[in-house]
Amino acid sequence: MEIGTQELPFAAAEERLHEQARAMTGLADFGDSEYLEGLRHWLRSLDVDAELSAAGRRMVLGMTLTALAGRLESEASLAAHPQVRRARLERPFVILGLPRTGTTVLHRMLCRDPRNQGLELWLGHSPQPRPSRATWDDTSAYQRCQKLQEVAQQLTPAMAQIHAMAADAPDECWNLLRQSFRTVTFECSAGVSGYARWWSTCDMRKAYARFTDNLRLIGANDRHRRWVLKDPSHLFAPEALLEAVPEALLVMTHRDPAKSIPSVCSLTATARRQNDRVFDAAVLGAEQNALWIRGLERTLALRKREPERFVDIHFDAIREDPLAAIREIYARAGVAEDAAAEAAIREFVETHPTQAHHYTAEEYGLSPASIRERYASYIEQAGVRLED
């Protein structure tokens, strides 16, 4: 870091991180102080709980600085466009299944429909009304995001095979939620048990109110297009999400947890092996296994009370006939079929083959039988199809 935060305890670096975000953006107003509670739990837990390598320390400082810079840019742009806060979000699709259940490919297929819009990674980092694509390469925020992605790919090249990211491609909503320092991604990036305990019961309503304002801001030039959003974080606070976006259709993806949980362990381990001073695969497996059932239970409780808000899409349906899965979502939402949209989605499927991803439950101290036992209620309620 440019101003010496590497040498300070994380909690003591709070003001310097703010200073660096101001210097990076040329902006000063962070807006409502609601984010400070999450930020301080995060920094304190990094000091008390995390055992970070030098690379891990750089990574979490970078995550924090990106969140603060994004908050500054968001605040300035919202102040410059106050009318966007009154805009209506036309019944967005929100994909919120377990990680590794087909959420990414479903998200990217839906975003190929020109009637829809997704949250491009660079705009998740630096919210502003989406400019014309022709201008992006010359935009400083876009260039900064591209550089961050280049560095990340150099540090963890295996990540691109598991979950590829690009500055100009749609990505997950946690990039907006981290402006409030309230997202599951933090506890998946480092061993921050204190932060995790706080986040498990924190009030997400203000975070989602800001999240929604940012969507209105980013989509200000594309109000006729439906938002398609995706993030496993939404599993943990679906009521707060729906309070902020009451017209959302929740697209819940399903896959045998004996496959999805080891897969998310593998994804998380790709980062944690670099970030942790001493990496323990079994500890990570136990943490992830407990984490995701908690999120599922919260969303399943809502699904039981309000089934009309949900459409269920199974992993094998996405894999075997993706266009049929898209049609099912559209039929539920009353969206007309469109030949040009189907052609764009078909072209994406044909040019983006599935990447091989190798993992086993046993690598993380788990077994298919023990996972299925823990997730038995979910498997039954959702009619999850077990895989060999």
Protein backbone atom coordinates (compact mmCIF):
# COMPACT_ATOMS: atom_id res chain seq x y z
CA MET A 1 0.00 0.00 0.00
CA GLU A 2 1.26 3.45 -0.82
CA ILE A 3 0.90 5.09 2.60
CA GLY A 4 2.29 2.47 4.93
CA THR A 5 -0.83 0.58 6.00
CA GLN A 6 1.14 -2.64 5.60
CA GLU A 7 3.03 -1.84 8.81
CA LEU A 8 0.01 -0.92 10.96
CA PRO A 9 -2.50 -3.14 12.77
CA PHE A 10 -5.62 -3.21 10.63
CA ALA A 11 -7.80 -1.32 13.12
CA ALA A 12 -5.18 1.41 13.42
CA ALA A 13 -5.08 1.74 9.62
CA GLU A 14 -8.73 2.81 9.39
CA GLU A 15 -8.10 6.51 8.84
CA ARG A 16 -5.17 5.92 6.52
CA LEU A 17 -7.35 3.66 4.38
CA HIS A 18 -9.91 6.47 4.21
CA GLU A 19 -7.15 8.92 3.27
CA GLN A 20 -5.89 6.68 0.51
CA ALA A 21 -9.39 6.19 -0.90
CA ARG A 22 -9.79 9.97 -0.97
CA ALA A 23 -6.43 10.36 -2.72
CA MET A 24 -7.26 7.63 -5.25
CA THR A 25 -10.60 9.16 -6.25
CA GLY A 26 -10.19 12.85 -5.52
CA LEU A 27 -13.42 12.65 -3.51
CA ALA A 28 -14.17 13.19 0.17
CA ASP A 29 -17.78 12.31 1.10
CA PHE A 30 -18.39 8.71 2.28
CA GLY A 31 -22.05 9.42 3.01
CA ASP A 32 -24.01 7.82 5.83
CA SER A 33 -21.77 6.44 8.59
CA GLU A 34 -23.68 3.10 8.68
CA TYR A 35 -20.75 1.38 6.94
CA LEU A 36 -18.34 2.08 9.81
CA GLU A 37 -19.78 -0.65 12.04
CA GLY A 38 -19.05 -3.35 9.48
CA LEU A 39 -15.69 -1.86 8.54
CA ARG A 40 -14.56 -1.81 12.17
CA HIS A 41 -15.68 -5.39 12.83
CA TRP A 42 -13.80 -6.42 9.68
CA LEU A 43 -10.58 -4.62 10.61
CA ARG A 44 -10.71 -5.78 14.24
CA SER A 45 -11.28 -9.38 13.21
CA LEU A 46 -8.37 -9.22 10.77
CA ASP A 47 -6.17 -8.23 13.73
CA VAL A 48 -7.58 -10.69 16.26
CA ASP A 49 -8.64 -13.74 14.26
CA ALA A 50 -6.89 -13.87 10.90
CA GLU A 51 -3.50 -15.49 10.32
CA LEU A 52 -2.55 -13.83 7.07
CA SER A 53 0.41 -14.27 4.80
CA ALA A 54 2.09 -11.18 3.33
CA ALA A 55 0.09 -11.73 0.13
CA GLY A 56 -3.08 -12.16 2.17
CA ARG A 57 -2.48 -8.90 3.99
CA ARG A 58 -2.09 -7.08 0.67
CA MET A 59 -5.25 -8.73 -0.64
CA VAL A 60 -7.51 -7.74 2.29
CA LEU A 61 -6.15 -4.21 2.32
CA GLY A 62 -6.92 -4.02 -1.39
CA MET A 63 -10.47 -5.34 -0.83
CA THR A 64 -11.01 -2.71 1.84
CA LEU A 65 -9.60 0.14 -0.21
CA THR A 66 -11.67 -0.85 -3.26
CA ALA A 67 -14.82 -0.81 -1.09
CA LEU A 68 -14.03 2.63 0.31
CA ALA A 69 -13.14 4.09 -3.10
CA GLY A 70 -16.33 2.62 -4.56
CA ARG A 71 -18.36 4.15 -1.77
CA LEU A 72 -16.85 7.59 -2.49
CA GLU A 73 -17.57 7.27 -6.21
CA SER A 74 -21.08 6.03 -5.55
CA GLU A 75 -21.83 8.86 -3.14
CA ALA A 76 -20.57 11.51 -5.57
CA SER A 77 -22.52 10.08 -8.47
CA LEU A 78 -25.74 9.75 -6.44
CA ALA A 79 -25.36 13.38 -5.37
CA ALA A 80 -24.92 14.40 -9.02
CA HIS A 81 -28.00 12.41 -10.09
CA PRO A 82 -30.44 12.71 -7.15
CA GLN A 83 -33.42 11.89 -9.38
CA VAL A 84 -32.32 8.25 -9.78
CA ARG A 85 -33.37 7.42 -6.22
CA ARG A 86 -36.99 7.72 -7.36
CA ALA A 87 -36.62 5.38 -10.33
CA ARG A 88 -38.51 2.10 -10.35
CA LEU A 89 -36.66 -1.18 -10.80
CA GLU A 90 -38.78 -3.27 -13.15
CA ARG A 91 -39.15 -6.68 -11.49
CA PRO A 92 -35.51 -7.80 -11.52
CA PHE A 93 -34.40 -11.40 -11.60
CA VAL A 94 -32.23 -12.23 -8.58
CA ILE A 95 -30.31 -15.53 -8.74
CA LEU A 96 -29.53 -16.72 -5.23
CA GLY A 97 -28.75 -20.43 -5.11
CA LEU A 98 -25.82 -22.05 -3.38
CA PRO A 99 -22.47 -21.29 -5.02
CA ARG A 100 -21.44 -23.78 -7.68
CA THR A 101 -25.01 -24.65 -8.66
CA GLY A 102 -24.99 -23.07 -12.12
CA THR A 103 -25.62 -19.52 -10.90
CA THR A 104 -22.80 -17.95 -12.93
CA VAL A 105 -23.64 -19.51 -16.29
CA LEU A 106 -27.36 -18.84 -15.80
CA HIS A 107 -26.59 -15.21 -14.90
CA ARG A 108 -24.39 -14.69 -17.94
CA MET A 109 -26.86 -16.36 -20.29
CA LEU A 110 -29.69 -14.10 -19.09
CA CYS A 111 -27.44 -11.06 -19.46
CA ARG A 112 -26.96 -11.90 -23.16
CA ASP A 113 -30.60 -11.05 -23.76
CA PRO A 114 -30.46 -7.39 -24.90
CA ARG A 115 -33.66 -6.75 -22.95
CA ASN A 116 -31.74 -7.39 -19.71
CA GLN A 117 -28.82 -5.73 -17.94
CA GLY A 118 -26.24 -7.19 -15.58
CA LEU A 119 -23.86 -5.58 -13.11
CA GLU A 120 -20.52 -5.30 -14.89
CA LEU A 121 -17.58 -5.82 -12.56
CA TRP A 122 -16.10 -2.35 -13.04
CA LEU A 123 -19.44 -0.67 -12.31
CA GLY A 124 -19.82 -2.82 -9.20
CA HIS A 125 -16.50 -1.36 -8.10
CA SER A 126 -17.21 2.22 -9.22
CA PRO A 127 -20.97 2.91 -9.48
CA GLN A 128 -22.05 5.58 -11.97
CA PRO A 129 -24.64 5.77 -14.78
CA ARG A 130 -23.45 3.16 -17.29
CA PRO A 131 -21.74 5.08 -20.09
CA SER A 132 -21.58 4.03 -23.72
CA ARG A 133 -19.42 0.93 -24.17
CA ALA A 134 -17.20 2.83 -26.60
CA THR A 135 -15.97 5.07 -23.76
CA TRP A 136 -15.03 2.41 -21.22
CA ASP A 137 -11.43 1.84 -22.28
CA ASP A 138 -10.66 5.52 -21.64
CA THR A 139 -12.40 5.63 -18.24
CA SER A 140 -10.07 5.66 -15.22
CA ALA A 141 -12.36 3.50 -13.07
CA TYR A 142 -12.55 0.87 -15.82
CA GLN A 143 -8.78 0.93 -16.26
CA ARG A 144 -8.30 0.52 -12.49
CA CYS A 145 -10.60 -2.50 -12.42
CA GLN A 146 -8.81 -4.05 -15.40
CA LYS A 147 -5.47 -3.64 -13.65
CA LEU A 148 -6.81 -5.23 -10.46
CA GLN A 149 -8.03 -8.21 -12.48
CA GLU A 150 -4.69 -8.60 -14.20
CA VAL A 151 -2.90 -8.68 -10.85
CA ALA A 152 -5.44 -11.13 -9.40
CA GLN A 153 -5.02 -13.49 -12.34
CA GLN A 154 -1.25 -13.41 -11.95
CA LEU A 155 -1.51 -14.22 -8.24
CA THR A 156 -4.17 -16.94 -8.54
CA PRO A 157 -4.29 -18.21 -12.14
CA ALA A 158 -6.32 -21.25 -11.05
CA MET A 159 -9.23 -18.96 -10.17
CA ALA A 160 -9.86 -18.16 -13.83
CA GLN A 161 -10.66 -21.83 -14.50
CA ILE A 162 -13.13 -21.99 -11.60
CA HIS A 163 -14.73 -18.53 -11.75
CA ALA A 164 -13.46 -16.30 -14.54
CA MET A 165 -13.92 -12.54 -14.11
CA ALA A 166 -13.39 -9.58 -16.42
CA ALA A 167 -13.87 -5.86 -15.92
CA ASP A 168 -16.49 -5.64 -18.68
CA ALA A 169 -18.42 -8.82 -17.79
CA PRO A 170 -21.41 -9.15 -15.44
CA ASP A 171 -20.41 -10.28 -11.97
CA GLU A 172 -21.76 -10.68 -8.44
CA CYS A 173 -23.64 -8.08 -6.41
CA TRP A 174 -21.35 -8.37 -3.39
CA ASN A 175 -19.27 -5.68 -5.05
CA LEU A 176 -22.09 -3.28 -4.12
CA LEU A 177 -22.82 -4.78 -0.69
CA ARG A 178 -19.19 -4.41 0.35
CA GLN A 179 -19.68 -0.62 0.31
CA SER A 180 -21.54 -1.30 3.57
CA PHE A 181 -18.99 -3.94 4.68
CA ARG A 182 -21.77 -6.50 4.93
CA THR A 183 -21.11 -9.51 2.71
CA VAL A 184 -20.36 -13.21 3.04
CA THR A 185 -17.35 -12.77 0.74
CA PHE A 186 -15.28 -11.28 3.55
CA GLU A 187 -15.44 -14.42 5.68
CA CYS A 188 -14.70 -16.57 2.64
CA SER A 189 -11.53 -14.56 1.97
CA ALA A 190 -9.85 -14.80 5.38
CA GLY A 191 -10.27 -16.48 8.76
CA VAL A 192 -12.31 -13.68 10.36
CA SER A 193 -14.48 -15.55 12.85
CA GLY A 194 -15.29 -12.40 14.85
CA TYR A 195 -16.54 -10.59 11.76
CA ALA A 196 -18.47 -13.73 10.75
CA ARG A 197 -20.29 -13.85 14.10
CA TRP A 198 -21.24 -10.18 13.81
CA TRP A 199 -22.35 -10.46 10.18
CA SER A 200 -24.51 -13.53 10.89
CA THR A 201 -26.96 -11.36 12.87
CA CYS A 202 -26.41 -7.83 11.54
CA ASP A 203 -29.24 -5.74 10.11
CA MET A 204 -28.93 -5.74 6.30
CA ARG A 205 -31.72 -3.26 5.54
CA LYS A 206 -29.56 -0.15 5.12
CA ALA A 207 -27.03 -2.12 3.07
CA TYR A 208 -29.80 -3.23 0.71
CA ALA A 209 -31.27 0.27 0.53
CA ARG A 210 -27.89 1.52 -0.69
CA PHE A 211 -27.52 -1.50 -2.95
CA THR A 212 -30.82 -0.62 -4.63
CA ASP A 213 -29.90 3.05 -5.02
CA ASN A 214 -26.69 1.96 -6.72
CA LEU A 215 -28.66 -0.23 -9.15
CA ARG A 216 -30.90 2.73 -9.97
CA LEU A 217 -27.79 4.84 -10.51
CA ILE A 218 -25.93 2.35 -12.71
CA GLY A 219 -29.03 1.61 -14.78
CA ALA A 220 -30.08 5.24 -15.15
CA ASN A 221 -29.38 5.18 -18.89
CA ASP A 222 -30.99 1.75 -19.37
CA ARG A 223 -34.25 2.01 -17.42
CA HIS A 224 -36.15 0.00 -20.00
CA ARG A 225 -33.91 -3.04 -19.38
CA ARG A 226 -34.60 -5.57 -16.64
CA TRP A 227 -31.86 -6.15 -14.07
CA VAL A 228 -30.46 -9.67 -13.75
CA LEU A 229 -28.54 -10.02 -10.48
CA LYS A 230 -26.66 -12.86 -8.88
CA ASP A 231 -24.96 -13.39 -5.54
CA PRO A 232 -24.97 -16.16 -2.93
CA SER A 233 -24.91 -13.38 -0.29
CA HIS A 234 -28.64 -12.91 -0.88
CA LEU A 235 -29.36 -16.30 0.72
CA PHE A 236 -28.58 -14.82 4.14
CA ALA A 237 -30.98 -11.85 4.12
CA PRO A 238 -33.76 -12.47 1.60
CA GLU A 239 -36.30 -10.42 3.59
CA ALA A 240 -34.06 -7.34 3.52
CA LEU A 241 -33.51 -7.87 -0.21
CA LEU A 242 -37.25 -8.03 -0.89
CA GLU A 243 -37.94 -5.02 1.32
CA ALA A 244 -35.59 -3.04 -0.93
CA VAL A 245 -36.68 -4.68 -4.22
CA PRO A 246 -40.24 -5.90 -3.57
CA GLU A 247 -40.93 -6.85 -7.19
CA ALA A 248 -37.93 -9.15 -7.54
CA LEU A 249 -38.37 -12.68 -8.86
CA LEU A 250 -36.01 -14.95 -6.91
CA VAL A 251 -34.42 -17.55 -9.16
CA MET A 252 -33.19 -20.32 -6.86
CA THR A 253 -30.75 -22.78 -8.39
CA HIS A 254 -30.37 -26.29 -6.96
CA ARG A 255 -27.70 -28.96 -7.08
CA ASP A 256 -26.74 -31.95 -4.98
CA PRO A 257 -24.88 -30.36 -2.02
CA ALA A 258 -22.50 -33.32 -2.03
CA LYS A 259 -21.21 -31.74 -5.26
CA SER A 260 -21.75 -28.04 -4.66
CA ILE A 261 -20.24 -27.82 -1.15
CA PRO A 262 -16.89 -29.45 -2.06
CA SER A 263 -16.85 -27.28 -5.18
CA VAL A 264 -17.28 -24.07 -3.19
CA CYS A 265 -14.60 -25.33 -0.78
CA SER A 266 -12.28 -25.72 -3.76
CA LEU A 267 -13.11 -22.22 -5.00
CA THR A 268 -12.57 -20.67 -1.57
CA ALA A 269 -9.40 -22.67 -0.99
CA THR A 270 -7.89 -21.22 -4.17
CA ALA A 271 -7.82 -17.82 -2.49
CA ARG A 272 -7.25 -18.97 1.08
CA ARG A 273 -4.12 -20.98 0.23
CA GLN A 274 -2.57 -17.70 -0.82
CA ASN A 275 -4.08 -15.55 1.92
CA ASP A 276 -3.58 -17.75 5.00
CA ARG A 277 -0.19 -18.12 6.64
CA VAL A 278 -1.07 -21.74 7.39
CA PHE A 279 -3.90 -23.21 5.33
CA ASP A 280 -6.06 -25.95 6.89
CA ALA A 281 -8.38 -27.61 4.37
CA ALA A 282 -10.41 -29.48 7.00
CA VAL A 283 -11.10 -26.30 8.97
CA LEU A 284 -12.19 -24.58 5.76
CA GLY A 285 -14.46 -27.50 4.90
CA ALA A 286 -16.19 -27.40 8.29
CA GLU A 287 -16.65 -23.61 8.05
CA GLN A 288 -18.11 -23.70 4.55
CA ASN A 289 -20.38 -26.65 5.31
CA ALA A 290 -21.87 -24.81 8.29
CA LEU A 291 -22.02 -21.44 6.55
CA TRP A 292 -24.10 -22.37 3.53
CA ILE A 293 -26.71 -24.43 5.33
CA ARG A 294 -27.39 -21.35 7.47
CA GLY A 295 -28.05 -19.25 4.38
CA LEU A 296 -30.17 -21.94 2.79
CA GLU A 297 -32.34 -22.28 5.88
CA ARG A 298 -33.10 -18.55 5.89
CA THR A 299 -34.13 -18.56 2.25
CA LEU A 300 -36.06 -21.81 2.49
CA ALA A 301 -38.10 -20.34 5.36
CA LEU A 302 -39.09 -17.43 3.11
CA ARG A 303 -39.71 -19.80 0.19
CA LYS A 304 -42.10 -21.81 2.34
CA ARG A 305 -44.06 -18.68 3.33
CA GLU A 306 -44.05 -16.99 -0.08
CA PRO A 307 -43.52 -19.62 -2.81
CA GLU A 308 -44.90 -17.30 -5.48
CA ARG A 309 -41.74 -15.19 -5.26
CA PHE A 310 -39.52 -18.09 -6.39
CA VAL A 311 -38.78 -20.08 -9.50
CA ASP A 312 -36.64 -23.21 -9.04
CA ILE A 313 -34.01 -24.15 -11.62
CA HIS A 314 -32.00 -27.36 -11.24
CA PHE A 315 -28.34 -27.69 -12.18
CA ASP A 316 -28.87 -30.55 -14.60
CA ALA A 317 -31.55 -28.51 -16.43
CA ILE A 318 -29.03 -25.69 -16.95
CA ARG A 319 -26.43 -28.17 -18.14
CA GLU A 320 -28.67 -30.27 -20.41
CA ASP A 321 -31.02 -27.68 -21.94
CA PRO A 322 -30.09 -24.14 -20.92
CA LEU A 323 -32.58 -22.48 -23.25
CA ALA A 324 -35.41 -24.46 -21.68
CA ALA A 325 -34.29 -23.22 -18.25
CA ILE A 326 -34.36 -19.62 -19.54
CA ARG A 327 -37.84 -20.16 -21.00
CA GLU A 328 -39.06 -21.45 -17.63
CA ILE A 329 -37.88 -18.28 -15.89
CA TYR A 330 -39.43 -16.07 -18.57
CA ALA A 331 -42.72 -17.95 -18.45
CA ARG A 332 -42.92 -17.44 -14.69
CA ALA A 333 -42.22 -13.72 -15.11
CA GLY A 334 -44.58 -13.29 -18.06
CA VAL A 335 -41.72 -12.34 -20.39
CA ALA A 336 -42.35 -13.03 -24.07
CA GLU A 337 -40.00 -15.27 -26.00
CA ASP A 338 -37.74 -13.42 -28.42
CA ALA A 339 -35.86 -14.97 -31.34
CA ALA A 340 -32.96 -12.48 -31.19
CA ALA A 341 -32.55 -13.04 -27.45
CA GLU A 342 -32.52 -16.81 -27.88
CA ALA A 343 -29.94 -16.53 -30.66
CA ALA A 344 -27.67 -14.42 -28.43
CA ILE A 345 -28.01 -16.89 -25.55
CA ARG A 346 -27.40 -19.87 -27.85
CA GLU A 347 -24.25 -18.20 -29.21
CA PHE A 348 -22.98 -17.70 -25.65
CA VAL A 349 -23.58 -21.36 -24.77
CA GLU A 350 -21.78 -22.55 -27.89
CA THR A 351 -18.74 -20.33 -27.36
CA HIS A 352 -18.35 -20.77 -23.59
CA PRO A 353 -17.87 -24.47 -22.84
CA THR A 354 -17.89 -25.62 -19.23
CA GLN A 355 -14.45 -25.64 -17.61
CA ALA A 356 -13.33 -28.83 -15.89
CA HIS A 357 -13.07 -28.40 -12.12
CA HIS A 358 -11.62 -31.25 -10.08
CA TYR A 359 -12.24 -31.66 -6.34
CA THR A 360 -13.39 -34.18 -3.73
CA ALA A 361 -15.26 -33.81 -0.46
CA GLU A 362 -12.53 -35.76 1.34
CA GLU A 363 -9.95 -33.07 0.56
CA TYR A 364 -11.84 -30.83 2.98
CA GLY A 365 -12.55 -33.33 5.75
CA LEU A 366 -16.04 -34.01 4.43
CA SER A 367 -17.85 -36.90 2.75
CA PRO A 368 -20.82 -36.98 0.35
CA ALA A 369 -22.87 -38.91 2.91
CA SER A 370 -22.22 -36.47 5.77
CA ILE A 371 -23.00 -33.46 3.56
CA ARG A 372 -26.27 -34.96 2.37
CA GLU A 373 -27.22 -35.80 5.93
CA ARG A 374 -26.71 -32.19 7.03
CA TYR A 375 -28.58 -30.85 4.01
CA ALA A 376 -31.32 -33.50 4.10
CA SER A 377 -34.16 -31.05 4.74
CA TYR A 378 -33.06 -28.86 1.82
CA ILE A 379 -32.75 -31.87 -0.50
CA GLU A 380 -36.28 -32.94 0.38
CA GLN A 381 -37.92 -29.50 0.29
CA ALA A 382 -36.38 -28.45 -3.01
CA GLY A 383 -36.54 -31.84 -4.69
CA VAL A 384 -32.81 -31.80 -5.29
CA ARG A 385 -31.59 -34.47 -7.66
CA LEU A 386 -28.63 -36.44 -6.32
CA GLU A 387 -25.61 -36.96 -8.56
CA ASP A 388 -23.38 -40.00 -8.84
